[in-house]
């Protein structure tokens, strides 16, 4: 099917519907849709904006629509109204009349004249009468919940853990589009040369103020460049890059990455080893192991071995105390990456968090056997929940007296203070993902 058979707003509606009906991942669907319909340039940018924006602000949009919907409508009609209202509310460059016209045309195509009339009537009523005020919501938890489209249970949980203001700031930050960042492959090039190469391709990036290996995109998608294809850098969030620094990598070490896909931290470790020593990368699924090795090949690294293996059975395969460093970037709720994957916040439950904590403990228990005496175990997650982070780390130390907290060493550019052996990063700290990193040392040397 060519691009002419489906316009940007129809494609966005299809993605949003698939996310809600089938719990599909919005980021994967978006990439597939761009390729399928050959969207480029401004169309890609608009599709990305209205898809993520509508999902990200779903609860707010439903609150704004509620006075104008007097009866129940088909689910796709509600999604179309959300999609249209998002454009009217948050995109200044698109005139309301164009949004309404497009919505009516989609309604005619998908439904019938009655539905088209309803869509037209609701959107014009919003245009004339304005939206209800969030100030009418008296309960402070509910007000943050609706204003930032975070489920009330999650807002309450974060308020209990971090206080009202920090929780509110976290929810508000999650609504902002993330900056694309990349890690320069220092084994083959330099940061200045990568920025220069991107400029020659018509893309713009600047050095990160946080990390010496990082760049930040200013214009264009860095992943769609020849410099990327040639292995000069990897797309990775700055918070995620900090994990490899915590491992205190030196050339020649033997390192295990126990939960490695898609390979960002594995390849960072391999680069820090300067192609000396070895990284063994594990993932449960063979197709994800292939993703890791695709990255290894693209980056021209020669010191990575990837295996399809449940890391909860790692001691069946590897000898005890055979690794200098072990990284457990554990399965988690993903509540630190809601700007990139907004659909997560609507699908997760408190029960998921408790179940994930159990899995984290199983992996830590098993892989801790593989750490050499005097070696290090680093535990990390891309979430901001204390249950999965601080409490898991504390519980590990309780159950494993052979380990002790190890001072967490971060790059000089990081102004945040860590809590001895651990660091909780929030999206509002420097615009990166929410991340937790904790470091332990095995006693004996």
Protein backbone atom coordinates (compact mmCIF):
# COMPACT_ATOMS: atom_id res chain seq x y z
CA UNK A 1 0.00 0.00 0.00
CA UNK A 2 1.38 3.40 -0.90
CA UNK A 3 1.41 6.51 1.20
CA UNK A 4 -1.54 7.94 -0.81
CA UNK A 5 -3.87 5.20 0.47
CA UNK A 6 -3.54 6.28 4.09
CA UNK A 7 -2.86 9.77 5.38
CA UNK A 8 -1.03 10.66 8.58
CA UNK A 9 -4.11 11.03 10.80
CA UNK A 10 -5.65 7.76 9.62
CA UNK A 11 -2.35 6.01 10.29
CA UNK A 12 -2.16 7.56 13.78
CA UNK A 13 -5.70 6.40 14.53
CA UNK A 14 -4.78 2.84 13.49
CA UNK A 15 -1.73 2.84 15.78
CA UNK A 16 -3.65 4.21 18.78
CA UNK A 17 -6.44 1.68 18.23
CA UNK A 18 -3.95 -1.22 18.09
CA UNK A 19 -2.26 -0.03 21.29
CA UNK A 20 -5.57 0.05 23.16
CA UNK A 21 -7.09 -3.13 21.69
CA UNK A 22 -4.07 -5.42 21.67
CA UNK A 23 -1.64 -3.78 24.12
CA UNK A 24 0.76 -3.36 21.21
CA UNK A 25 3.90 -1.26 21.76
CA UNK A 26 3.42 2.24 20.34
CA UNK A 27 7.10 2.72 19.44
CA UNK A 28 7.27 -0.51 17.39
CA UNK A 29 3.95 0.18 15.63
CA UNK A 30 5.05 3.71 14.81
CA UNK A 31 8.29 2.52 13.17
CA UNK A 32 6.44 -0.17 11.21
CA UNK A 33 3.82 2.33 10.02
CA UNK A 34 6.45 4.84 8.84
CA UNK A 35 8.11 2.11 6.77
CA UNK A 36 4.84 0.65 5.47
CA UNK A 37 3.43 3.92 4.16
CA UNK A 38 6.78 5.48 3.21
CA UNK A 39 6.22 8.54 5.40
CA UNK A 40 9.12 11.00 5.37
CA UNK A 41 10.11 14.38 6.80
CA UNK A 42 7.19 16.48 8.09
CA UNK A 43 4.74 13.57 7.77
CA UNK A 44 6.92 11.39 10.01
CA UNK A 45 7.25 14.21 12.53
CA UNK A 46 3.48 14.85 12.58
CA UNK A 47 2.65 11.14 12.87
CA UNK A 48 5.05 10.76 15.79
CA UNK A 49 3.76 13.89 17.53
CA UNK A 50 0.04 13.17 17.30
CA UNK A 51 0.40 9.44 18.06
CA UNK A 52 2.54 9.83 21.17
CA UNK A 53 0.78 13.02 22.23
CA UNK A 54 -2.70 11.49 22.07
CA UNK A 55 -1.61 8.39 23.98
CA UNK A 56 0.40 10.44 26.46
CA UNK A 57 -2.54 12.77 27.32
CA UNK A 58 -5.39 10.26 27.02
CA UNK A 59 -6.95 10.90 30.45
CA UNK A 60 -6.73 14.67 30.09
CA UNK A 61 -8.36 14.56 26.66
CA UNK A 62 -11.19 12.34 27.94
CA UNK A 63 -11.79 14.81 30.77
CA UNK A 64 -12.01 17.68 28.27
CA UNK A 65 -14.37 15.71 26.00
CA UNK A 66 -16.70 14.43 28.74
CA UNK A 67 -19.16 17.39 28.79
CA UNK A 68 -19.62 17.13 25.01
CA UNK A 69 -20.32 13.39 24.78
CA UNK A 70 -23.87 12.87 26.01
CA UNK A 71 -24.05 9.22 25.00
CA UNK A 72 -21.70 6.28 24.55
CA UNK A 73 -19.87 6.20 21.21
CA UNK A 74 -17.95 3.47 19.41
CA UNK A 75 -14.40 3.15 20.70
CA UNK A 76 -12.73 4.22 17.45
CA UNK A 77 -14.92 7.36 17.41
CA UNK A 78 -13.70 8.29 20.90
CA UNK A 79 -10.11 7.72 19.72
CA UNK A 80 -10.70 9.94 16.68
CA UNK A 81 -12.10 12.68 18.93
CA UNK A 82 -9.09 12.38 21.24
CA UNK A 83 -6.70 12.54 18.30
CA UNK A 84 -8.45 15.61 16.91
CA UNK A 85 -8.75 17.41 20.25
CA UNK A 86 -5.03 16.82 20.89
CA UNK A 87 -4.22 18.68 17.68
CA UNK A 88 -6.61 21.52 18.53
CA UNK A 89 -5.26 21.88 22.08
CA UNK A 90 -1.53 21.31 21.70
CA UNK A 91 -0.47 21.95 18.07
CA UNK A 92 -0.52 25.67 17.29
CA UNK A 93 0.50 25.35 13.64
CA UNK A 94 -2.56 23.35 12.56
CA UNK A 95 -5.78 25.41 12.19
CA UNK A 96 -8.84 24.03 13.97
CA UNK A 97 -10.82 24.02 10.72
CA UNK A 98 -8.25 21.70 9.10
CA UNK A 99 -8.34 19.33 12.09
CA UNK A 100 -12.15 19.22 12.10
CA UNK A 101 -12.37 18.72 8.33
CA UNK A 102 -9.88 15.84 8.47
CA UNK A 103 -11.72 14.22 11.39
CA UNK A 104 -15.05 14.41 9.57
CA UNK A 105 -13.54 12.85 6.43
CA UNK A 106 -12.09 9.95 8.46
CA UNK A 107 -15.47 9.50 10.20
CA UNK A 108 -17.24 9.29 6.81
CA UNK A 109 -14.70 6.79 5.53
CA UNK A 110 -14.82 4.58 8.61
CA UNK A 111 -18.44 4.99 9.60
CA UNK A 112 -21.44 6.82 8.16
CA UNK A 113 -22.98 10.29 7.92
CA UNK A 114 -24.40 10.11 11.44
CA UNK A 115 -20.98 9.50 12.96
CA UNK A 116 -19.44 12.21 10.79
CA UNK A 117 -22.12 14.61 12.05
CA UNK A 118 -21.45 13.66 15.66
CA UNK A 119 -17.68 14.17 15.27
CA UNK A 120 -18.25 17.53 13.60
CA UNK A 121 -20.73 18.60 16.29
CA UNK A 122 -18.50 17.64 19.24
CA UNK A 123 -15.38 19.31 17.86
CA UNK A 124 -17.23 22.49 16.91
CA UNK A 125 -18.84 22.61 20.36
CA UNK A 126 -15.38 22.39 21.92
CA UNK A 127 -14.18 25.12 19.56
CA UNK A 128 -17.06 27.41 20.55
CA UNK A 129 -17.47 26.63 24.24
CA UNK A 130 -13.97 25.78 25.40
CA UNK A 131 -12.91 22.96 27.70
CA UNK A 132 -13.72 22.33 31.39
CA UNK A 133 -11.18 23.62 33.91
CA UNK A 134 -8.85 21.24 35.75
CA UNK A 135 -9.25 23.55 38.76
CA UNK A 136 -12.71 22.05 39.25
CA UNK A 137 -11.02 18.83 40.43
CA UNK A 138 -10.69 19.33 44.20
CA UNK A 139 -8.76 16.21 45.21
CA UNK A 140 -5.02 16.94 44.68
CA UNK A 141 -4.10 13.37 43.69
CA UNK A 142 -6.96 13.20 41.18
CA UNK A 143 -6.02 16.62 39.80
CA UNK A 144 -2.42 15.54 39.08
CA UNK A 145 -3.78 12.27 37.69
CA UNK A 146 -6.12 13.95 35.19
CA UNK A 147 -3.84 16.90 34.38
CA UNK A 148 -0.88 14.65 33.53
CA UNK A 149 -2.71 11.47 32.45
CA UNK A 150 -1.21 9.18 35.07
CA UNK A 151 -3.43 6.59 36.81
CA UNK A 152 -4.42 7.78 40.30
CA UNK A 153 -2.89 4.69 41.99
CA UNK A 154 0.48 5.55 40.44
CA UNK A 155 0.32 9.23 41.42
CA UNK A 156 -0.60 8.27 45.01
CA UNK A 157 2.25 5.75 45.09
CA UNK A 158 4.80 8.36 44.00
CA UNK A 159 3.39 10.98 46.39
CA UNK A 160 3.77 8.44 49.23
CA UNK A 161 7.33 7.61 48.16
CA UNK A 162 8.68 11.05 47.20
CA UNK A 163 6.27 13.73 48.39
CA UNK A 164 3.68 15.79 46.51
CA UNK A 165 5.94 18.26 44.68
CA UNK A 166 8.45 15.70 43.43
CA UNK A 167 5.68 13.39 42.26
CA UNK A 168 3.93 16.27 40.49
CA UNK A 169 7.19 17.32 38.78
CA UNK A 170 7.81 13.72 37.71
CA UNK A 171 4.35 13.40 36.16
CA UNK A 172 4.69 16.73 34.36
CA UNK A 173 8.14 15.85 33.02
CA UNK A 174 6.77 12.59 31.64
CA UNK A 175 4.59 14.60 29.24
CA UNK A 176 7.59 16.20 27.52
CA UNK A 177 9.09 14.69 24.39
CA UNK A 178 12.55 13.22 25.09
CA UNK A 179 15.67 14.48 23.34
CA UNK A 180 17.34 11.87 21.16
CA UNK A 181 20.83 11.14 22.47
CA UNK A 182 23.59 8.88 21.18
CA UNK A 183 26.79 7.27 22.44
CA UNK A 184 29.84 7.73 20.23
CA UNK A 185 31.80 4.55 19.44
CA UNK A 186 35.19 5.69 20.70
CA UNK A 187 36.89 2.54 19.39
CA UNK A 188 36.57 3.85 15.82
CA UNK A 189 35.99 7.63 15.95
CA UNK A 190 35.71 10.78 18.11
CA UNK A 191 32.77 12.89 19.19
CA UNK A 192 33.86 15.88 17.09
CA UNK A 193 34.19 13.71 13.98
CA UNK A 194 30.70 12.24 14.48
CA UNK A 195 29.14 15.69 14.83
CA UNK A 196 30.99 16.77 11.67
CA UNK A 197 29.87 13.64 9.76
CA UNK A 198 26.25 14.24 10.76
CA UNK A 199 26.46 17.87 9.66
CA UNK A 200 27.62 16.74 6.22
CA UNK A 201 24.43 14.64 6.02
CA UNK A 202 22.25 17.61 6.91
CA UNK A 203 21.71 16.54 10.53
CA UNK A 204 22.57 18.54 13.62
CA UNK A 205 23.91 17.36 17.00
CA UNK A 206 25.77 18.95 19.90
CA UNK A 207 28.06 17.53 22.60
CA UNK A 208 26.40 16.40 25.82
CA UNK A 209 27.22 18.43 28.92
CA UNK A 210 26.87 15.28 30.98
CA UNK A 211 29.05 12.60 29.36
CA UNK A 212 32.18 12.77 27.18
CA UNK A 213 30.90 10.01 24.86
CA UNK A 214 27.41 11.43 24.35
CA UNK A 215 25.81 13.71 21.76
CA UNK A 216 22.33 15.25 21.65
CA UNK A 217 20.27 15.54 18.49
CA UNK A 218 19.18 19.05 17.52
CA UNK A 219 17.67 18.36 14.10
CA UNK A 220 16.88 15.13 12.29
CA UNK A 221 16.71 11.47 13.33
CA UNK A 222 20.28 10.33 14.02
CA UNK A 223 19.36 6.67 13.55
CA UNK A 224 18.55 7.32 9.89
CA UNK A 225 22.07 8.41 8.97
CA UNK A 226 25.04 6.86 7.22
CA UNK A 227 27.10 7.62 10.31
CA UNK A 228 24.79 5.34 12.30
CA UNK A 229 24.88 2.61 9.64
CA UNK A 230 28.68 2.80 9.65
CA UNK A 231 28.84 2.08 13.37
CA UNK A 232 30.03 5.49 14.53
CA UNK A 233 27.47 5.68 17.34
CA UNK A 234 24.55 4.00 19.07
CA UNK A 235 21.22 5.54 20.05
CA UNK A 236 21.10 5.41 23.86
CA UNK A 237 19.73 7.58 26.63
CA UNK A 238 22.28 9.36 28.82
CA UNK A 239 20.86 7.78 31.99
CA UNK A 240 21.36 4.34 30.47
CA UNK A 241 24.97 5.21 29.55
CA UNK A 242 25.77 5.82 33.22
CA UNK A 243 25.33 2.12 34.02
CA UNK A 244 28.54 1.08 32.24
CA UNK A 245 30.49 3.72 34.18
CA UNK A 246 29.27 2.16 37.43
CA UNK A 247 31.00 -1.10 36.45
CA UNK A 248 34.44 0.56 36.56
CA UNK A 249 35.50 -1.20 33.37
CA UNK A 250 39.18 -1.78 32.62
CA UNK A 251 40.57 -3.46 29.47
CA UNK A 252 40.95 -7.21 29.90
CA UNK A 253 38.08 -7.84 32.32
CA UNK A 254 35.54 -10.65 31.96
CA UNK A 255 32.03 -9.17 32.15
CA UNK A 256 28.56 -10.75 32.23
CA UNK A 257 25.53 -8.73 31.10
CA UNK A 258 22.73 -10.89 32.47
CA UNK A 259 19.71 -9.16 30.86
CA UNK A 260 21.30 -7.69 27.77
CA UNK A 261 18.82 -7.06 24.94
CA UNK A 262 18.75 -4.93 22.86
CA UNK A 263 22.46 -4.50 23.55
CA UNK A 264 23.06 -0.84 24.39
CA UNK A 265 24.88 -1.53 27.66
CA UNK A 266 26.61 -4.64 26.29
CA UNK A 267 28.18 -2.69 23.44
CA UNK A 268 29.07 0.22 25.73
CA UNK A 269 30.94 -2.20 28.00
CA UNK A 270 32.65 -3.76 24.99
CA UNK A 271 33.78 -0.34 23.77
CA UNK A 272 35.11 0.54 27.23
CA UNK A 273 37.07 -2.72 27.19
CA UNK A 274 38.64 -1.43 23.94
CA UNK A 275 38.00 -4.80 22.28
CA UNK A 276 40.08 -6.52 24.98
CA UNK A 277 38.65 -8.87 27.57
CA UNK A 278 35.13 -10.17 26.94
CA UNK A 279 31.44 -9.43 27.45
CA UNK A 280 29.03 -12.35 27.66
CA UNK A 281 25.49 -11.11 26.94
CA UNK A 282 22.45 -13.16 27.93
CA UNK A 283 18.83 -12.89 26.93
CA UNK A 284 15.93 -15.28 27.27
CA UNK A 285 14.82 -14.98 23.62
CA UNK A 286 16.88 -16.05 20.57
CA UNK A 287 15.49 -13.24 18.39
CA UNK A 288 16.69 -10.69 20.94
CA UNK A 289 20.15 -12.31 20.98
CA UNK A 290 20.20 -11.67 17.23
CA UNK A 291 19.39 -7.98 17.89
CA UNK A 292 22.39 -7.78 20.23
CA UNK A 293 24.74 -9.36 17.69
CA UNK A 294 23.42 -7.10 14.91
CA UNK A 295 24.52 -4.13 17.02
CA UNK A 296 27.88 -5.76 17.80
CA UNK A 297 28.52 -6.30 14.09
CA UNK A 298 27.46 -2.77 13.14
CA UNK A 299 29.79 -1.30 15.75
CA UNK A 300 32.70 -3.54 14.63
CA UNK A 301 33.22 -5.03 18.07
CA UNK A 302 35.03 -8.35 18.49
CA UNK A 303 34.78 -9.11 22.20
CA UNK A 304 31.08 -9.98 22.66
CA UNK A 305 29.52 -13.40 23.00
CA UNK A 306 25.71 -13.52 23.12
CA UNK A 307 23.65 -16.48 24.29
CA UNK A 308 19.96 -17.29 24.56
CA UNK A 309 19.73 -18.23 28.23
CA UNK A 310 17.49 -17.56 31.21
CA UNK A 311 19.85 -15.74 33.56
CA UNK A 312 18.05 -17.43 36.46
CA UNK A 313 19.88 -20.58 35.33
CA UNK A 314 23.26 -18.97 34.64
CA UNK A 315 25.17 -21.05 37.22
CA UNK A 316 24.21 -24.20 35.30
CA UNK A 317 26.32 -22.93 32.40
CA UNK A 318 29.10 -20.79 33.89
CA UNK A 319 31.61 -21.68 36.58
CA UNK A 320 31.25 -20.06 39.97
CA UNK A 321 33.21 -16.82 40.44
CA UNK A 322 34.23 -16.63 36.77
CA UNK A 323 33.43 -12.95 36.05
CA UNK A 324 35.13 -9.76 37.25
CA UNK A 325 31.93 -7.77 36.71
CA UNK A 326 28.28 -8.77 36.50
CA UNK A 327 25.55 -6.39 35.34
CA UNK A 328 21.92 -7.13 36.17
CA UNK A 329 19.91 -4.55 34.24
CA UNK A 330 16.81 -6.22 35.56
CA UNK A 331 13.30 -6.59 34.13
CA UNK A 332 11.20 -3.80 35.62
CA UNK A 333 7.97 -1.86 35.25
CA UNK A 334 9.61 0.68 32.90
CA UNK A 335 8.07 3.59 34.80
CA UNK A 336 11.18 5.67 34.13
CA UNK A 337 10.67 5.69 30.36
CA UNK A 338 7.06 6.90 30.12
CA UNK A 339 8.04 9.74 27.78
CA UNK A 340 9.23 7.15 25.23
CA UNK A 341 6.58 4.50 25.92
CA UNK A 342 3.49 6.33 27.22
CA UNK A 343 1.26 3.28 26.86
CA UNK A 344 3.08 1.60 29.77
CA UNK A 345 1.43 3.79 32.41
CA UNK A 346 -2.06 2.59 31.49
CA UNK A 347 -1.21 -1.13 31.39
CA UNK A 348 0.90 -1.59 34.54
CA UNK A 349 -0.57 -2.42 37.95
CA UNK A 350 0.79 -2.54 41.48
CA UNK A 351 0.64 -6.34 41.25
CA UNK A 352 3.07 -6.18 38.29
CA UNK A 353 5.58 -4.33 40.46
CA UNK A 354 5.45 -6.96 43.21
CA UNK A 355 5.86 -9.78 40.65
CA UNK A 356 8.81 -8.04 38.99
CA UNK A 357 10.57 -7.58 42.31
CA UNK A 358 10.51 -11.37 42.76
CA UNK A 359 12.06 -11.90 39.31
CA UNK A 360 14.74 -9.31 40.07
CA UNK A 361 15.68 -11.10 43.28
CA UNK A 362 15.89 -14.47 41.50
CA UNK A 363 18.28 -13.06 38.88
CA UNK A 364 20.43 -11.28 41.46
CA UNK A 365 20.65 -14.40 43.62
CA UNK A 366 21.67 -16.60 40.69
CA UNK A 367 24.17 -14.30 39.01
CA UNK A 368 25.82 -13.27 42.28
CA UNK A 369 27.37 -16.75 42.36
CA UNK A 370 29.34 -15.87 39.23
CA UNK A 371 31.11 -12.78 40.64
CA UNK A 372 34.77 -13.26 41.53
CA UNK A 373 35.95 -12.40 45.04
CA UNK A 374 36.76 -8.70 44.95
CA UNK A 375 34.59 -8.34 41.85
CA UNK A 376 31.53 -6.14 41.35
CA UNK A 377 27.83 -6.68 40.80
CA UNK A 378 25.84 -3.71 39.45
CA UNK A 379 22.03 -3.71 39.62
CA UNK A 380 20.07 -1.26 37.47
CA UNK A 381 16.51 -0.62 36.31
CA UNK A 382 14.71 1.91 34.11
CA UNK A 383 12.09 2.68 36.73
CA UNK A 384 11.60 5.16 39.57
CA UNK A 385 9.70 2.90 41.99
CA UNK A 386 11.29 2.33 45.40
CA UNK A 387 9.83 -1.17 45.64
CA UNK A 388 11.78 -2.29 42.57
CA UNK A 389 14.89 -0.25 43.31
CA UNK A 390 15.92 0.69 46.85
CA UNK A 391 14.02 -2.16 48.47
CA UNK A 392 15.35 -4.79 46.05
CA UNK A 393 18.93 -3.60 46.57
CA UNK A 394 18.54 -3.61 50.38
CA UNK A 395 16.96 -7.06 50.34
CA UNK A 396 19.82 -8.42 48.21
CA UNK A 397 22.39 -7.26 50.76
CA UNK A 398 20.33 -8.78 53.59
CA UNK A 399 20.32 -12.18 51.87
CA UNK A 400 23.93 -12.02 50.63
CA UNK A 401 26.36 -11.16 53.42
CA UNK A 402 29.22 -12.08 51.07
CA UNK A 403 28.54 -8.74 49.32
CA UNK A 404 28.97 -5.22 50.63
CA UNK A 405 27.88 -1.81 49.28
CA UNK A 406 30.46 -0.42 46.86
CA UNK A 407 30.88 3.34 46.33
CA UNK A 408 29.19 4.31 43.09
CA UNK A 409 31.58 6.13 40.78
CA UNK A 410 29.95 8.35 38.23
CA UNK A 411 31.44 10.69 35.57
CA UNK A 412 32.61 14.10 36.77
CA UNK A 413 29.94 15.90 34.73
CA UNK A 414 27.18 14.37 36.86
CA UNK A 415 26.34 16.90 39.56
CA UNK A 416 23.75 14.70 41.28
CA UNK A 417 24.78 13.20 44.61
CA UNK A 418 24.41 9.44 44.92
CA UNK A 419 23.40 7.68 48.10
CA UNK A 420 26.73 5.96 48.75
CA UNK A 421 26.38 2.89 46.55
CA UNK A 422 23.17 3.81 44.71
CA UNK A 423 21.67 6.55 42.56
CA UNK A 424 18.05 7.26 41.64
CA UNK A 425 17.74 9.39 38.51
CA UNK A 426 14.45 11.14 37.73
CA UNK A 427 13.48 12.46 34.27
CA UNK A 428 13.40 16.00 35.67
CA UNK A 429 17.04 15.78 36.85
CA UNK A 430 18.66 16.38 33.45
CA UNK A 431 16.06 15.32 30.90
CA UNK A 432 17.12 11.68 30.70
CA UNK A 433 15.14 8.55 31.50
CA UNK A 434 14.30 7.58 35.05
CA UNK A 435 16.96 5.10 36.15
CA UNK A 436 18.29 3.38 39.25
CA UNK A 437 21.87 2.13 39.66
CA UNK A 438 23.33 0.31 42.66
CA UNK A 439 26.79 -1.21 43.14
CA UNK A 440 27.98 -4.11 45.30
CA UNK A 441 31.39 -5.70 45.87
CA UNK A 442 32.01 -9.36 46.68
CA UNK A 443 34.11 -9.70 49.79
CA UNK A 444 37.23 -11.79 49.93
CA UNK A 445 40.14 -9.85 48.41
